[in-house]
C-alpha atoms as a PDB file:
ATOM      1  CA  SER A   1      11.128 -14.636  19.881  1.00  0.00           C
ATOM      2  CA  ARG A   2       8.716 -14.344  22.778  1.00  0.00           C
ATOM      3  CA  LEU A   3       5.004 -14.286  22.018  1.00  0.00           C
ATOM      4  CA  ILE A   4       3.428 -11.081  23.339  1.00  0.00           C
ATOM      5  CA  SER A   5      -0.190 -11.674  22.316  1.00  0.00           C
ATOM      6  CA  GLU A   6      -2.465 -14.371  21.007  1.00  0.00           C
ATOM      7  CA  PRO A   7      -3.903 -13.240  17.650  1.00  0.00           C
ATOM      8  CA  PHE A   8      -7.611 -12.888  18.501  1.00  0.00           C
ATOM      9  CA  PRO A   9      -8.943 -11.411  21.739  1.00  0.00           C
ATOM     10  CA  LEU A  10     -12.269 -12.427  23.239  1.00  0.00           C
ATOM     11  CA  GLY A  11     -15.207 -11.081  21.254  1.00  0.00           C
ATOM     12  CA  ALA A  12     -13.233 -10.738  17.999  1.00  0.00           C
ATOM     13  CA  GLY A  13     -15.556 -10.719  15.009  1.00  0.00           C
ATOM     14  CA  VAL A  14     -18.667 -10.304  17.202  1.00  0.00           C
ATOM     15  CA  ASP A  15     -18.201  -7.250  19.422  1.00  0.00           C
ATOM     16  CA  THR A  16     -18.067  -3.707  18.140  1.00  0.00           C
ATOM     17  CA  PHE A  17     -16.022  -0.691  19.203  1.00  0.00           C
ATOM     18  CA  GLY A  18     -16.966   2.833  20.161  1.00  0.00           C
ATOM     19  CA  LEU A  19     -15.563   5.742  22.175  1.00  0.00           C
ATOM     20  CA  GLY A  20     -12.444   3.783  23.070  1.00  0.00           C
ATOM     21  CA  PHE A  21     -14.239   0.697  24.409  1.00  0.00           C
ATOM     22  CA  GLN A  22     -15.011  -2.769  23.162  1.00  0.00           C
ATOM     23  CA  ILE A  23     -18.817  -3.074  23.194  1.00  0.00           C
ATOM     24  CA  THR A  24     -20.314  -6.475  24.065  1.00  0.00           C
ATOM     25  CA  GLU A  25     -22.810  -7.558  21.400  1.00  0.00           C
ATOM     26  CA  GLN A  26     -23.688 -11.094  22.525  1.00  0.00           C
ATOM     27  CA  GLN A  27     -25.331 -12.362  25.721  1.00  0.00           C
ATOM     28  CA  LEU A  28     -23.690 -15.508  27.060  1.00  0.00           C
ATOM     29  CA  PRO A  29     -24.665 -17.317  30.281  1.00  0.00           C
ATOM     30  CA  TYR A  30     -23.231 -15.670  33.402  1.00  0.00           C
ATOM     31  CA  SER A  31     -21.497 -12.904  31.486  1.00  0.00           C
ATOM     32  CA  ARG A  32     -21.747  -9.188  30.891  1.00  0.00           C
ATOM     33  CA  SER A  33     -24.817  -7.720  29.242  1.00  0.00           C
ATOM     34  CA  PRO A  34     -24.928  -6.613  25.610  1.00  0.00           C
ATOM     35  CA  GLY A  35     -23.882  -2.962  25.481  1.00  0.00           C
ATOM     36  CA  SER A  36     -21.301  -3.403  28.256  1.00  0.00           C
ATOM     37  CA  MET A  37     -18.063  -1.514  27.703  1.00  0.00           C
ATOM     38  CA  ALA A  38     -14.667  -3.132  28.228  1.00  0.00           C
ATOM     39  CA  TRP A  39     -10.986  -2.806  27.562  1.00  0.00           C
ATOM     40  CA  ALA A  40      -7.875  -4.814  28.301  1.00  0.00           C
ATOM     41  CA  GLY A  41      -4.164  -4.167  28.600  1.00  0.00           C
ATOM     42  CA  ILE A  42      -1.274  -6.133  27.130  1.00  0.00           C
ATOM     43  CA  PHE A  43      -0.370  -7.737  30.498  1.00  0.00           C
ATOM     44  CA  ASN A  44      -3.896  -9.193  30.859  1.00  0.00           C
ATOM     45  CA  THR A  45      -5.400  -6.352  32.825  1.00  0.00           C
ATOM     46  CA  GLU A  46      -9.133  -6.114  32.093  1.00  0.00           C
ATOM     47  CA  PHE A  47     -12.094  -4.008  33.113  1.00  0.00           C
ATOM     48  CA  TRP A  48     -15.725  -3.779  32.088  1.00  0.00           C
ATOM     49  CA  ILE A  49     -18.726  -1.649  32.903  1.00  0.00           C
ATOM     50  CA  ASP A  50     -22.159  -3.287  32.726  1.00  0.00           C
ATOM     51  CA  ARG A  51     -24.689  -0.475  32.979  1.00  0.00           C
ATOM     52  CA  GLU A  52     -27.658  -2.839  32.675  1.00  0.00           C
ATOM     53  CA  LYS A  53     -26.607  -4.757  35.807  1.00  0.00           C
ATOM     54  CA  ASN A  54     -25.150  -1.632  37.460  1.00  0.00           C
ATOM     55  CA  ILE A  55     -21.705  -3.124  38.075  1.00  0.00           C
ATOM     56  CA  GLY A  56     -18.120  -2.640  37.066  1.00  0.00           C
ATOM     57  CA  ALA A  57     -15.274  -5.109  37.430  1.00  0.00           C
ATOM     58  CA  VAL A  58     -11.491  -4.937  37.262  1.00  0.00           C
ATOM     59  CA  LEU A  59      -9.108  -7.885  36.968  1.00  0.00           C
ATOM     60  CA  MET A  60      -5.398  -7.123  37.178  1.00  0.00           C
ATOM     61  CA  MET A  61      -2.786  -9.643  36.070  1.00  0.00           C
ATOM     62  CA  GLN A  62       0.820  -9.073  35.067  1.00  0.00           C
ATOM     63  CA  TYR A  63       1.208 -11.960  32.681  1.00  0.00           C
ATOM     64  CA  LEU A  64       2.246 -12.593  29.081  1.00  0.00           C
ATOM     65  CA  PRO A  65       1.224 -13.508  26.494  1.00  0.00           C
ATOM     66  CA  PHE A  66      -1.939 -11.435  26.250  1.00  0.00           C
ATOM     67  CA  TYR A  67      -5.095 -13.604  26.208  1.00  0.00           C
ATOM     68  CA  ASP A  68      -3.386 -16.969  26.226  1.00  0.00           C
ATOM     69  CA  ALA A  69      -5.515 -19.929  27.351  1.00  0.00           C
ATOM     70  CA  ARG A  70      -4.665 -19.604  31.065  1.00  0.00           C
ATOM     71  CA  ALA A  71      -5.352 -15.876  31.189  1.00  0.00           C
ATOM     72  CA  VAL A  72      -8.673 -16.349  29.370  1.00  0.00           C
ATOM     73  CA  GLU A  73      -9.621 -19.133  31.809  1.00  0.00           C
ATOM     74  CA  VAL A  74      -8.974 -16.817  34.784  1.00  0.00           C
ATOM     75  CA  LEU A  75     -10.920 -13.955  33.178  1.00  0.00           C
ATOM     76  CA  GLN A  76     -13.913 -16.098  32.226  1.00  0.00           C
ATOM     77  CA  GLY A  77     -13.968 -17.760  35.658  1.00  0.00           C
ATOM     78  CA  PHE A  78     -13.870 -14.346  37.353  1.00  0.00           C
ATOM     79  CA  GLU A  79     -16.712 -13.035  35.183  1.00  0.00           C
ATOM     80  CA  HIS A  80     -18.787 -16.210  35.575  1.00  0.00           C
ATOM     81  CA  ARG A  81     -18.561 -16.077  39.383  1.00  0.00           C
ATOM     82  CA  ILE A  82     -19.562 -12.414  39.500  1.00  0.00           C
ATOM     83  CA  TYR A  83     -22.672 -12.890  37.361  1.00  0.00           C
ATOM     84  CA  GLN A  84     -23.608 -16.214  38.942  1.00  0.00           C
ATOM     85  CA  ASN A  85     -23.705 -14.491  42.322  1.00  0.00           C
ATOM     86  CA  LEU A  86     -25.905 -11.633  41.063  1.00  0.00           C
ATOM     87  CA  GLU A  87     -28.853 -14.014  40.655  1.00  0.00           C
END
């Protein structure tokens, strides 16, 4: 059987949820601000809205399984480069 999703998405056990979004609760270097709202789709599509930094980002992939190591590496690299270039 083909794996559709890794068992724990980013932020599991730390982030909270509200109004249909995953809410970032932890500040990590070069990443979205606490209170940012995000959501992802099964094919590794992802978006977030960071109201503190006044930005939004969208990353679209069509790739399974959801949140496997390669997809997470692309997402974290994308996010890191965005926030690194804000400073």
